[in-house]
Protein backbone atom coordinates (compact mmCIF):
# COMPACT_ATOMS: atom_id res chain seq x y z
CA MET A 1 -9.09 -17.00 76.06
CA LEU A 2 -7.42 -18.71 73.11
CA LEU A 3 -9.62 -21.78 73.68
CA ALA A 4 -12.68 -19.52 73.59
CA ALA A 5 -11.49 -18.08 70.27
CA ALA A 6 -11.11 -21.59 68.83
CA LEU A 7 -14.58 -22.62 70.01
CA PHE A 8 -16.15 -19.42 68.65
CA SER A 9 -14.59 -20.00 65.23
CA ALA A 10 -15.92 -23.57 65.26
CA LEU A 11 -19.43 -22.35 66.15
CA ASN A 12 -19.28 -19.78 63.36
CA LEU A 13 -18.47 -22.56 60.91
CA ALA A 14 -21.42 -24.52 62.31
CA VAL A 15 -23.69 -21.50 61.73
CA VAL A 16 -22.47 -21.25 58.12
CA TRP A 17 -23.16 -24.96 57.56
CA LEU A 18 -26.59 -24.52 59.17
CA ILE A 19 -27.45 -21.66 56.80
CA GLN A 20 -26.41 -23.81 53.84
CA GLN A 21 -28.73 -26.59 55.03
CA ILE A 22 -31.64 -24.16 55.50
CA ILE A 23 -31.23 -22.70 51.98
CA ASP A 24 -30.96 -26.16 50.42
CA ASN A 25 -34.03 -27.28 52.37
CA VAL A 26 -36.02 -24.30 51.05
CA SER A 27 -34.80 -24.87 47.47
CA GLY A 28 -35.77 -28.56 47.66
CA GLN A 29 -32.28 -30.07 47.50
CA LYS A 30 -32.13 -33.77 48.31
CA GLY A 31 -30.39 -34.81 51.55
CA ALA A 32 -31.13 -31.53 53.33
CA LEU A 33 -32.14 -31.73 56.98
CA SER A 34 -35.73 -31.10 58.04
CA ILE A 35 -36.89 -27.81 59.53
CA GLY A 36 -37.31 -29.46 62.92
CA GLN A 37 -33.78 -30.83 62.90
CA LEU A 38 -32.43 -27.46 61.79
CA ALA A 39 -34.33 -25.69 64.58
CA LEU A 40 -32.88 -28.03 67.21
CA LEU A 41 -29.36 -27.47 65.85
CA ALA A 42 -29.87 -23.69 65.85
CA ALA A 43 -31.04 -23.78 69.47
CA GLY A 44 -28.03 -25.91 70.45
CA ILE A 45 -25.60 -23.48 68.82
CA ILE A 46 -27.18 -20.52 70.62
CA LEU A 47 -27.02 -22.35 73.95
CA LEU A 48 -23.30 -22.99 73.41
CA ILE A 49 -22.60 -19.38 72.49
CA VAL A 50 -24.03 -18.01 75.76
CA PRO A 51 -21.51 -19.67 78.14
CA LEU A 52 -18.65 -18.94 75.73
CA LYS A 53 -19.56 -15.26 75.74
CA ALA A 54 -19.66 -15.39 79.54
CA VAL A 55 -16.17 -16.92 79.58
CA GLN A 56 -14.94 -14.24 77.20
CA TYR A 57 -16.57 -11.52 79.33
CA TRP A 58 -14.72 -12.84 82.40
CA ALA A 59 -11.38 -13.81 80.85
CA GLN A 60 -10.55 -11.08 78.33
CA PRO A 61 -10.57 -8.05 80.72
CA ARG A 62 -8.62 -10.04 83.32
CA PHE A 63 -6.07 -11.10 80.73
CA MET A 64 -5.56 -7.44 79.80
CA GLN A 65 -5.37 -6.41 83.45
CA LYS A 66 -2.81 -9.08 84.32
CA ALA A 67 -0.73 -8.53 81.18
CA MET A 68 -0.50 -4.75 81.61
CA THR A 69 0.14 -5.00 85.35
CA GLN A 70 2.93 -7.53 84.87
CA PHE A 71 4.48 -5.56 82.02
CA LYS A 72 4.49 -2.29 83.98
CA SER A 73 5.84 -4.00 87.08
CA TYR A 74 8.61 -5.61 85.05
CA ALA A 75 9.50 -2.34 83.32
CA PHE A 76 9.48 -0.34 86.57
CA GLY A 77 11.53 -3.06 88.24
CA ARG A 78 14.15 -2.91 85.49
CA LEU A 79 14.20 0.89 85.69
CA MET A 80 14.76 0.82 89.44
CA ARG A 81 17.79 -1.44 88.93
CA LYS A 82 19.65 1.40 87.25
CA SER A 83 22.21 3.22 89.30
CA ILE A 84 22.13 6.94 89.99
CA ALA A 85 25.11 7.32 87.66
CA SER A 86 23.37 5.71 84.68
CA PHE A 87 19.98 7.32 85.25
CA GLN A 88 21.24 10.89 85.66
CA SER A 89 22.84 10.80 82.20
CA GLU A 90 19.53 10.00 80.47
CA ASP A 91 16.53 12.02 79.32
CA THR A 92 13.68 11.19 81.70
CA SER A 93 11.08 12.45 79.19
CA ALA A 94 11.79 9.35 77.12
CA TYR A 95 10.64 7.22 80.05
CA LEU A 96 7.59 9.42 80.66
CA SER A 97 6.56 8.92 77.03
CA ALA A 98 7.32 5.19 77.16
CA PHE A 99 5.21 4.64 80.28
CA SER A 100 2.30 6.68 78.93
CA ASN A 101 1.95 6.96 75.14
CA ASP A 102 3.92 3.84 74.21
CA LEU A 103 2.09 1.68 76.74
CA ILE A 104 -1.24 2.83 75.30
CA SER A 105 -0.09 1.79 71.82
CA ILE A 106 1.15 -1.56 73.13
CA GLU A 107 -2.16 -2.13 74.88
CA THR A 108 -4.42 -1.15 71.96
CA SER A 109 -2.34 -2.32 68.99
CA TYR A 110 -1.03 -5.54 70.48
CA LEU A 111 -2.65 -6.93 73.60
CA GLU A 112 -6.26 -5.94 72.91
CA ARG A 113 -6.09 -7.35 69.39
CA GLN A 114 -4.51 -10.69 70.27
CA TYR A 115 -7.94 -12.30 70.60
CA GLU A 116 -9.02 -10.78 67.28
CA LEU A 117 -5.83 -11.99 65.63
CA VAL A 118 -6.25 -15.58 66.85
CA PHE A 119 -9.98 -15.66 66.13
CA ASN A 120 -9.54 -14.36 62.56
CA ALA A 121 -6.75 -16.84 61.85
CA LEU A 122 -8.77 -19.82 63.13
CA TRP A 123 -11.95 -18.59 61.46
CA ALA A 124 -10.19 -18.22 58.08
CA ALA A 125 -8.47 -21.61 58.39
CA GLY A 126 -11.79 -23.31 59.20
CA ALA A 127 -13.49 -21.49 56.31
CA VAL A 128 -10.86 -22.77 53.87
CA VAL A 129 -11.32 -26.34 55.12
CA LEU A 130 -15.12 -26.11 54.80
CA MET A 131 -14.84 -24.63 51.30
CA LEU A 132 -12.59 -27.50 50.23
CA LEU A 133 -15.15 -29.98 51.56
CA TYR A 134 -17.97 -28.28 49.67
CA SER A 135 -16.23 -27.70 46.33
CA PRO A 136 -12.45 -28.02 45.81
CA VAL A 137 -12.66 -26.24 42.45
CA LEU A 138 -14.57 -23.22 43.77
CA ALA A 139 -12.38 -23.22 46.89
CA ALA A 140 -9.21 -23.05 44.78
CA ALA A 141 -10.63 -20.11 42.84
CA ALA A 142 -11.65 -18.32 46.04
CA ILE A 143 -8.22 -18.83 47.62
CA ALA A 144 -6.49 -17.54 44.50
CA LEU A 145 -8.70 -14.45 44.44
CA CYS A 146 -8.18 -13.87 48.19
CA ALA A 147 -4.44 -13.61 47.63
CA LEU A 148 -5.03 -10.26 45.92
CA PRO A 149 -6.13 -8.29 49.03
CA PHE A 150 -3.51 -10.09 51.13
CA LEU A 151 -0.61 -9.06 48.89
CA ALA A 152 -1.98 -5.54 48.53
CA SER A 153 -2.30 -5.10 52.29
CA MET A 154 1.08 -6.62 53.09
CA ARG A 155 2.79 -4.06 50.91
CA GLU A 156 1.38 -1.18 52.95
CA GLY A 157 1.49 -3.01 56.29
CA ALA A 158 5.29 -2.78 56.50
CA ARG A 159 4.99 1.02 56.77
CA MET A 160 2.95 0.81 59.98
CA GLU A 161 5.93 -0.06 62.20
CA LYS A 162 7.90 2.95 60.94
CA VAL A 163 5.10 5.45 61.46
CA GLU A 164 4.34 4.01 64.92
CA LYS A 165 7.94 4.54 65.99
CA ALA A 166 7.83 8.07 64.58
CA VAL A 167 4.74 8.81 66.68
CA SER A 168 6.54 7.46 69.76
CA GLU A 169 9.57 9.69 69.17
CA LYS A 170 7.47 12.82 68.64
CA ASN A 171 5.41 12.02 71.75
CA GLY A 172 8.67 11.83 73.70
CA GLU A 173 9.72 15.27 72.43
CA PHE A 174 6.31 16.72 73.31
CA THR A 175 6.50 15.24 76.82
CA ALA A 176 9.94 16.81 77.27
CA SER A 177 8.64 20.24 76.19
CA LEU A 178 5.62 19.98 78.48
CA LYS A 179 7.82 18.89 81.38
CA ASP A 180 10.15 21.87 80.87
CA ILE A 181 7.31 24.39 80.65
CA LEU A 182 5.49 23.08 83.72
CA GLY A 183 8.76 22.97 85.66
CA GLY A 184 9.61 26.55 84.72
CA PHE A 185 6.09 27.96 85.01
CA SER A 186 7.00 30.62 87.57
CA VAL A 187 9.99 31.76 85.51
CA ILE A 188 7.88 31.95 82.35
CA LYS A 189 5.27 34.08 84.11
CA ASN A 190 7.86 36.27 85.81
CA PHE A 191 9.60 37.12 82.55
CA GLN A 192 6.36 37.31 80.54
CA ALA A 193 7.42 34.56 78.18
CA GLU A 194 3.95 32.99 77.87
CA SER A 195 3.71 33.46 74.11
CA ALA A 196 7.14 31.92 73.57
CA ALA A 197 6.25 28.95 75.79
CA VAL A 198 2.97 28.43 73.95
CA GLY A 199 4.82 28.65 70.64
CA LEU A 200 7.32 25.98 71.68
CA LEU A 201 4.55 23.68 72.90
CA GLU A 202 2.48 24.25 69.76
CA LYS A 203 5.47 23.40 67.57
CA SER A 204 6.08 20.18 69.47
CA SER A 205 2.36 19.35 69.49
CA ALA A 206 2.11 19.96 65.74
CA ALA A 207 4.98 17.51 65.16
CA VAL A 208 3.13 14.85 67.18
CA GLU A 209 -0.12 15.37 65.31
CA ASP A 210 1.72 15.34 61.98
CA ALA A 211 3.23 11.94 62.81
CA LYS A 212 -0.17 10.67 63.98
CA CYS A 213 -1.73 11.98 60.76
CA ARG A 214 0.74 9.93 58.72
CA LYS A 215 -0.10 6.89 60.85
CA ARG A 216 -3.83 7.37 60.25
CA GLY A 217 -3.13 7.80 56.55
CA VAL A 218 -1.38 4.43 56.43
CA SER A 219 -4.36 2.86 58.23
CA VAL A 220 -6.79 4.41 55.74
CA ILE A 221 -4.71 3.18 52.80
CA LEU A 222 -4.55 -0.29 54.30
CA GLY A 223 -8.32 -0.34 54.75
CA ALA A 224 -9.06 1.06 51.30
CA ILE A 225 -6.74 -1.31 49.43
CA GLY A 226 -7.96 -4.29 51.40
CA GLY A 227 -11.62 -3.29 51.00
CA ILE A 228 -11.50 -2.80 47.24
CA ALA A 229 -9.43 -5.91 46.59
CA GLY A 230 -11.65 -7.90 48.98
CA LEU A 231 -14.85 -6.84 47.22
CA ALA A 232 -13.35 -7.82 43.87
CA ALA A 233 -12.34 -11.23 45.25
CA GLN A 234 -15.77 -11.84 46.81
CA LEU A 235 -17.70 -10.90 43.70
CA GLY A 236 -15.30 -12.92 41.55
CA THR A 237 -15.86 -15.99 43.70
CA PHE A 238 -19.63 -15.56 43.58
CA LEU A 239 -19.67 -15.16 39.79
CA PHE A 240 -17.43 -18.20 39.29
CA GLY A 241 -19.66 -20.22 41.65
CA ALA A 242 -22.76 -19.13 39.73
CA TRP A 243 -21.13 -20.30 36.49
CA LEU A 244 -20.31 -23.68 38.08
CA ALA A 245 -23.93 -24.04 39.30
CA GLN A 246 -25.31 -23.24 35.84
CA SER A 247 -22.84 -25.64 34.21
CA GLY A 248 -24.29 -28.54 36.16
CA GLY A 249 -21.54 -28.72 38.78
CA SER A 250 -21.95 -29.85 42.38
CA VAL A 251 -22.55 -26.31 43.62
CA THR A 252 -26.05 -25.91 45.09
CA PRO A 253 -27.74 -22.57 45.88
CA GLY A 254 -27.00 -23.15 49.56
CA VAL A 255 -23.33 -23.87 48.87
CA LEU A 256 -23.07 -20.81 46.62
CA PHE A 257 -24.58 -18.58 49.30
CA VAL A 258 -22.35 -20.06 51.98
CA PHE A 259 -19.26 -19.53 49.81
CA MET A 260 -20.05 -15.83 49.85
CA ASP A 261 -19.97 -15.92 53.64
CA LEU A 262 -16.87 -18.12 53.85
CA THR A 263 -15.01 -16.10 51.25
CA GLY A 264 -15.93 -12.94 53.16
CA ALA A 265 -14.44 -14.47 56.31
CA VAL A 266 -11.20 -15.31 54.52
CA ILE A 267 -11.07 -11.91 52.85
CA THR A 268 -11.73 -10.11 56.13
CA THR A 269 -8.88 -12.04 57.70
CA VAL A 270 -6.38 -11.53 54.87
CA ARG A 271 -7.42 -7.88 54.63
CA GLU A 272 -7.09 -7.19 58.34
CA MET A 273 -4.24 -9.58 59.06
CA PRO A 274 -1.51 -7.33 57.58
CA GLU A 275 -2.78 -4.39 59.64
CA LEU A 276 -3.04 -6.56 62.77
CA LEU A 277 0.43 -7.97 62.19
CA ALA A 278 1.78 -4.49 61.39
CA GLY A 279 0.26 -3.16 64.60
CA ARG A 280 1.71 -6.11 66.46
CA ARG A 281 5.16 -5.51 64.95
CA ALA A 282 4.91 -1.81 65.77
CA ALA A 283 3.91 -2.57 69.36
CA LEU A 284 6.71 -5.10 69.74
CA GLY A 285 9.04 -2.48 68.29
CA LEU A 286 7.99 -0.14 71.11
CA VAL A 287 8.56 -2.97 73.59
CA ASP A 288 12.07 -3.45 72.16
CA LYS A 289 12.65 0.30 72.30
CA MET A 290 11.69 0.35 75.97
CA ALA A 291 13.78 -2.74 76.67
CA GLN A 292 16.83 -1.16 75.03
CA ALA A 293 16.34 2.02 77.08
CA LEU A 294 16.07 -0.02 80.28
CA GLU A 295 19.11 -2.14 79.45
CA SER A 296 21.30 0.58 77.97
CA ASN A 297 23.73 2.81 79.83
CA VAL A 298 23.85 0.44 82.80
CA ARG A 299 27.38 0.36 84.12
CA ASP A 300 28.83 -2.74 85.64
CA GLU A 301 28.90 -2.24 89.38
CA GLY A 302 31.39 -3.62 91.79
CA GLU A 303 30.67 -6.24 94.39
CA ALA A 304 32.48 -4.67 97.34
CA VAL A 305 30.23 -4.07 100.32
CA LEU A 306 30.58 -1.00 102.51
CA GLY A 307 29.83 -1.02 106.20
CA PRO A 308 29.56 2.00 108.48
CA LEU A 309 32.40 4.41 107.70
CA GLU A 310 35.22 3.81 110.21
CA LYS A 311 38.30 5.61 108.85
CA GLY A 312 37.07 8.08 106.28
CA ILE A 313 36.86 9.08 102.62
CA SER A 314 40.08 9.64 100.69
CA VAL A 315 40.12 11.50 97.36
CA ARG A 316 43.36 11.45 95.33
CA ALA A 317 44.24 13.11 92.01
CA LEU A 318 40.56 13.42 91.12
CA CYS A 319 39.87 14.92 87.71
CA PHE A 320 36.45 15.03 86.07
CA GLY A 321 34.57 16.72 83.26
CA TYR A 322 31.07 16.35 81.84
CA GLU A 323 32.45 16.73 78.32
CA PRO A 324 35.73 15.47 76.86
CA GLY A 325 38.49 18.06 77.08
CA ARG A 326 36.56 20.29 79.53
CA GLU A 327 37.47 19.40 83.09
CA VAL A 328 35.38 20.70 85.96
CA LEU A 329 37.58 19.31 88.74
CA HIS A 330 41.40 19.27 88.62
CA ASP A 331 43.71 17.17 90.80
CA ILE A 332 41.53 17.13 93.90
CA ASP A 333 43.28 15.70 96.98
CA ILE A 334 41.32 15.68 100.21
CA ASP A 335 40.56 13.47 103.21
CA PHE A 336 37.28 13.45 105.10
CA ALA A 337 37.71 11.77 108.49
CA ALA A 338 34.90 9.54 109.74
CA GLY A 339 32.46 11.25 112.08
CA LYS A 340 33.69 14.77 111.31
CA SER A 341 31.85 17.66 109.66
CA TYR A 342 33.11 19.59 106.61
CA ALA A 343 31.90 22.62 104.74
CA VAL A 344 32.71 22.90 101.02
CA VAL A 345 32.65 26.53 99.88
CA GLY A 346 33.56 28.50 96.80
CA ALA A 347 32.17 30.76 94.12
CA SER A 348 29.44 29.57 91.75
CA GLY A 349 30.85 27.14 89.17
CA SER A 350 33.84 26.16 91.29
CA GLY A 351 32.86 22.46 91.25
CA LYS A 352 31.38 22.10 94.75
CA SER A 353 28.23 20.21 93.72
CA THR A 354 30.15 18.11 91.20
CA LEU A 355 32.52 16.92 93.92
CA LEU A 356 29.61 15.97 96.16
CA LYS A 357 27.82 14.07 93.38
CA LEU A 358 30.95 12.11 92.57
CA LEU A 359 31.12 11.02 96.21
CA LEU A 360 27.70 9.43 95.61
CA ALA A 361 28.92 7.75 92.38
CA SER A 362 27.05 10.01 89.98
CA SER A 363 29.65 8.95 87.43
CA HIS A 364 32.45 6.42 87.19
CA ASP A 365 34.14 8.30 84.36
CA TYR A 366 36.62 10.15 86.54
CA GLU A 367 40.36 10.00 86.81
CA GLY A 368 42.05 9.37 90.13
CA THR A 369 40.50 7.58 93.09
CA ILE A 370 37.67 7.98 95.57
CA CYS A 371 38.03 5.53 98.45
CA TYR A 372 35.67 4.73 101.32
CA ASP A 373 37.71 3.10 104.09
CA GLY A 374 40.30 2.17 101.47
CA THR A 375 37.77 0.68 98.97
CA GLU A 376 37.66 2.39 95.59
CA LEU A 377 34.19 3.67 94.77
CA ARG A 378 34.06 1.94 91.37
CA ARG A 379 34.29 -1.41 93.18
CA VAL A 380 31.41 -0.68 95.54
CA SER A 381 27.92 -2.03 94.79
CA GLY A 382 25.23 0.62 94.43
CA LYS A 383 22.97 -0.95 97.06
CA SER A 384 25.81 -1.00 99.55
CA LEU A 385 26.78 2.61 98.82
CA TYR A 386 23.22 3.91 99.16
CA GLY A 387 22.93 2.13 102.48
CA THR A 388 26.01 3.94 103.77
CA VAL A 389 25.63 7.39 102.19
CA SER A 390 22.60 9.70 102.15
CA MET A 391 22.24 12.77 99.97
CA ILE A 392 20.24 15.91 100.73
CA ASP A 393 19.97 18.56 98.08
CA GLN A 394 18.13 21.81 97.57
CA ASN A 395 15.11 20.19 95.91
CA VAL A 396 13.94 17.51 98.32
CA PHE A 397 11.83 14.81 96.69
CA VAL A 398 8.55 14.32 98.54
CA PHE A 399 5.78 11.85 97.73
CA ASP A 400 2.16 12.99 97.85
CA ALA A 401 1.74 10.96 101.04
CA SER A 402 1.95 11.43 104.79
CA VAL A 403 4.95 12.96 106.53
CA ARG A 404 5.65 9.63 108.25
CA ASP A 405 5.59 7.73 104.94
CA ASN A 406 7.98 10.27 103.44
CA ILE A 407 10.34 9.82 106.36
CA THR A 408 10.23 6.01 106.28
CA MET A 409 9.95 5.87 102.47
CA PHE A 410 7.12 3.34 103.01
CA ARG A 411 9.38 0.88 104.84
CA PRO A 412 8.58 -0.63 108.24
CA PHE A 413 10.54 0.82 111.16
CA PRO A 414 9.97 0.57 114.90
CA ALA A 415 7.96 3.55 116.14
CA ALA A 416 10.71 4.46 118.62
CA GLU A 417 13.29 4.77 115.82
CA VAL A 418 10.98 6.96 113.74
CA ASP A 419 10.23 9.19 116.72
CA ARG A 420 13.96 9.52 117.46
CA ALA A 421 14.70 10.52 113.83
CA ILE A 422 11.86 13.08 113.97
CA GLU A 423 13.27 14.55 117.18
CA LEU A 424 16.87 14.74 115.97
CA ALA A 425 15.84 16.24 112.63
CA GLY A 426 13.93 19.03 114.37
CA LEU A 427 10.51 17.89 113.10
CA ALA A 428 8.93 17.30 116.52
CA PRO A 429 7.18 20.72 116.73
CA PHE A 430 5.65 20.22 113.28
CA ILE A 431 4.47 16.70 114.13
CA GLU A 432 2.95 17.89 117.40
CA GLN A 433 1.00 20.56 115.56
CA HIS A 434 -0.06 18.71 112.40
CA GLY A 435 0.45 15.01 113.16
CA ALA A 436 2.63 12.43 111.39
CA GLY A 437 -0.30 11.57 109.09
CA CYS A 438 -0.38 15.06 107.60
CA LEU A 439 -0.28 14.87 103.80
CA CYS A 440 2.67 16.57 102.11
CA GLY A 441 0.80 17.31 98.87
CA GLU A 442 2.09 17.13 95.30
CA ASN A 443 5.77 18.15 95.24
CA GLY A 444 5.46 18.83 98.98
CA ARG A 445 3.33 21.94 98.45
CA ASN A 446 1.84 21.63 101.96
CA LEU A 447 5.31 21.96 103.54
CA SER A 448 7.77 24.80 103.88
CA GLY A 449 11.29 24.51 102.50
CA GLY A 450 12.72 23.96 105.97
CA GLU A 451 10.19 21.21 106.72
CA ARG A 452 11.08 19.39 103.51
CA GLN A 453 14.79 19.59 104.39
CA ARG A 454 14.13 18.20 107.86
CA ILE A 455 12.22 15.28 106.34
CA SER A 456 15.30 14.58 104.24
CA ILE A 457 17.52 14.68 107.34
CA ALA A 458 15.16 12.34 109.20
CA ARG A 459 15.31 9.86 106.29
CA SER A 460 19.08 9.61 106.49
CA LEU A 461 18.99 9.20 110.25
CA LEU A 462 16.39 6.46 110.00
CA GLN A 463 18.43 4.36 107.60
CA HIS A 464 21.48 4.85 109.85
CA SER A 465 23.63 6.41 107.12
CA SER A 466 27.15 6.98 108.33
CA VAL A 467 27.82 9.62 105.66
CA LEU A 468 25.53 12.60 105.01
CA LEU A 469 26.09 14.72 101.90
CA ALA A 470 24.21 18.03 101.79
CA ASP A 471 24.22 20.11 98.61
CA GLU A 472 23.09 23.74 98.98
CA VAL A 473 20.24 22.64 101.24
CA THR A 474 19.68 26.16 102.53
CA ALA A 475 19.86 27.99 99.20
CA ALA A 476 16.11 28.64 99.00
CA LEU A 477 15.54 29.17 102.73
CA ASP A 478 15.37 32.38 104.73
CA ALA A 479 18.35 33.19 106.97
CA GLU A 480 16.76 31.99 110.21
CA THR A 481 15.51 28.67 108.74
CA ALA A 482 18.83 28.14 106.95
CA PHE A 483 20.68 28.57 110.24
CA GLN A 484 18.39 26.10 112.01
CA VAL A 485 18.60 23.45 109.27
CA THR A 486 22.39 23.63 109.13
CA SER A 487 22.50 23.42 112.93
CA ASP A 488 20.33 20.29 112.79
CA ILE A 489 22.84 18.72 110.38
CA LEU A 490 25.79 19.64 112.59
CA LYS A 491 24.09 18.05 115.61
CA GLN A 492 24.25 14.58 114.03
CA ASP A 493 27.22 13.24 116.01
CA GLY A 494 28.95 10.13 114.72
CA VAL A 495 27.94 10.90 111.11
CA THR A 496 30.43 12.12 108.51
CA ARG A 497 28.83 15.34 107.24
CA ILE A 498 29.99 17.06 104.05
CA VAL A 499 27.98 20.20 103.38
CA VAL A 500 28.18 22.32 100.23
CA THR A 501 27.06 25.81 101.16
CA HIS A 502 27.00 29.31 99.76
CA SER A 503 26.01 30.81 103.12
CA LEU A 504 29.17 32.10 104.77
CA ILE A 505 27.91 32.58 108.32
CA GLY A 506 30.74 32.77 110.85
CA PRO A 507 28.98 31.18 113.84
CA LEU A 508 27.99 28.18 111.70
CA LEU A 509 31.25 27.77 109.80
CA GLY A 510 33.11 27.88 113.10
CA ARG A 511 31.28 24.70 114.18
CA PHE A 512 32.61 22.63 111.24
CA ASP A 513 35.68 20.47 111.82
CA GLY A 514 37.09 21.58 108.50
CA ILE A 515 36.39 23.84 105.54
CA VAL A 516 37.35 22.97 101.94
CA VAL A 517 37.68 25.97 99.64
CA LEU A 518 37.32 25.44 95.88
CA LYS A 519 38.22 27.84 93.10
CA ASP A 520 37.92 27.01 89.39
CA GLY A 521 37.74 23.31 90.16
CA ARG A 522 40.80 23.21 92.41
CA ILE A 523 41.25 23.15 96.16
CA THR A 524 42.91 26.39 97.18
CA GLU A 525 42.68 26.13 100.97
CA THR A 526 41.62 23.79 103.75
CA GLY A 527 41.40 24.28 107.50
CA THR A 528 39.12 25.39 110.28
CA PHE A 529 37.28 28.69 110.16
CA ASP A 530 39.72 30.38 112.52
CA GLU A 531 42.76 29.05 110.62
CA LEU A 532 41.46 30.27 107.27
CA MET A 533 40.56 33.68 108.63
CA GLU A 534 44.05 34.06 110.08
CA ARG A 535 45.68 33.29 106.71
CA LYS A 536 43.72 36.10 105.03
CA GLY A 537 43.70 34.18 101.73
CA TYR A 538 40.96 33.38 99.21
CA PHE A 539 38.47 32.22 101.86
CA TYR A 540 39.03 35.39 103.85
CA ALA A 541 38.19 37.43 100.72
CA LEU A 542 35.02 35.39 100.06
CA TYR A 543 33.88 35.71 103.64
CA THR A 544 34.57 39.43 103.82
CA VAL A 545 32.66 40.16 100.60
CA ALA A 546 29.69 38.07 101.83
CA GLN A 547 29.28 40.08 105.03
């Protein structure tokens, strides 16, 4: 593509020279080529342009396609390298804006204009050389006059990067507002807060358009300054050339006419170059912004590798808070034996979900220790941990793909293993009725809550996780479905199951090997269901009130 730009600039210079020869031929200048020679040269230039245009037609779109595909793949790859701990502490709307609005700016302001940037630079350089060959004196005057639009444009061009970044930031805020409103649509409708939601979105949208307006203003100023200064430089060059021609200099009518064209090429380049370079700087600034987001907040992970859990999970003196000075968990000491099942219960805000998330390394900023078979969690590599531990929560993530693909997560597994996971997770009746190729729909809208939970259970079984963490998986389910889903979890023999639940159902709780009771971030009681009921302590009170 760059070679095509160089050849096009050379052909443009040949066209300019050809025009000069034609004008000098018409005006009777000595040494000018004949009309026949000029016609042959014109035909040759046209014949060369056709294949070059074909090359450009083929190469330029494919260059853009390859560049954008590689850039997105690289960015997504870097994003996927982040751990759960680092990603959960970030604002995902910033990534949504980066992979949509920022990528459009990078594509239009940088990649698409690379050919234009190279062509203009080569075209202007060739024009300067040709002007020097024609008339060094007139060329010097033209170059001096062309400096005026260049300096004028450069002064305003530096503002482009700032306004581009401002647009990116406001787009990120708008994306966050839109994400919140769409996510809470049912709540907004239920509480008749439509006008408030529209107001918030309009405010955010107005901020985006205000930033874009300032960006357009800078572009208009750049164009106006460059245009006025360029016209002055072009007319000045023409007038000076006319004076040289009348003074008996070496400037012929053809040369004077061609100087207008060559000067215009240089002026166009120096007028547009600051804007092109400013757009390029702004786009590269967005690339740097994305790179910093992808590289930031990535914690160093350990290198210890976990195998299937053999002994258990040991938690000692665990303290944690999301904000400094405000602990959520206090001095947690608990052991979860391998292959056993545990229910974690307590009032809302007691720290149940926080404890479960820490077991999956949602944060390393805790005090105390969390050990898997004696290995401290901070020393464990993320890939190793995620291969050993599976997490099921209330909101199961489902791709808009088939049920089978959502179970396998698009990885190849033997059909027998998939069928076994489907059977153990209680999905067999659904598969028999709808088929494994049934599409789940966006956000799993074609599935019930229980079906989504069973898909999540099947996933963990298929990757042979030896630890299953379940966080309020039955919170949005009816009583019968909740009972069935919890039963399906309890049936997974050989797997360490830790289930956070608000449903205090005696027949289910009695099937757990142990119950951990939390209150205000502390463990108040542990034991089996029968043991805790006999003590008539805090758990007994919770259970009695729930009945």
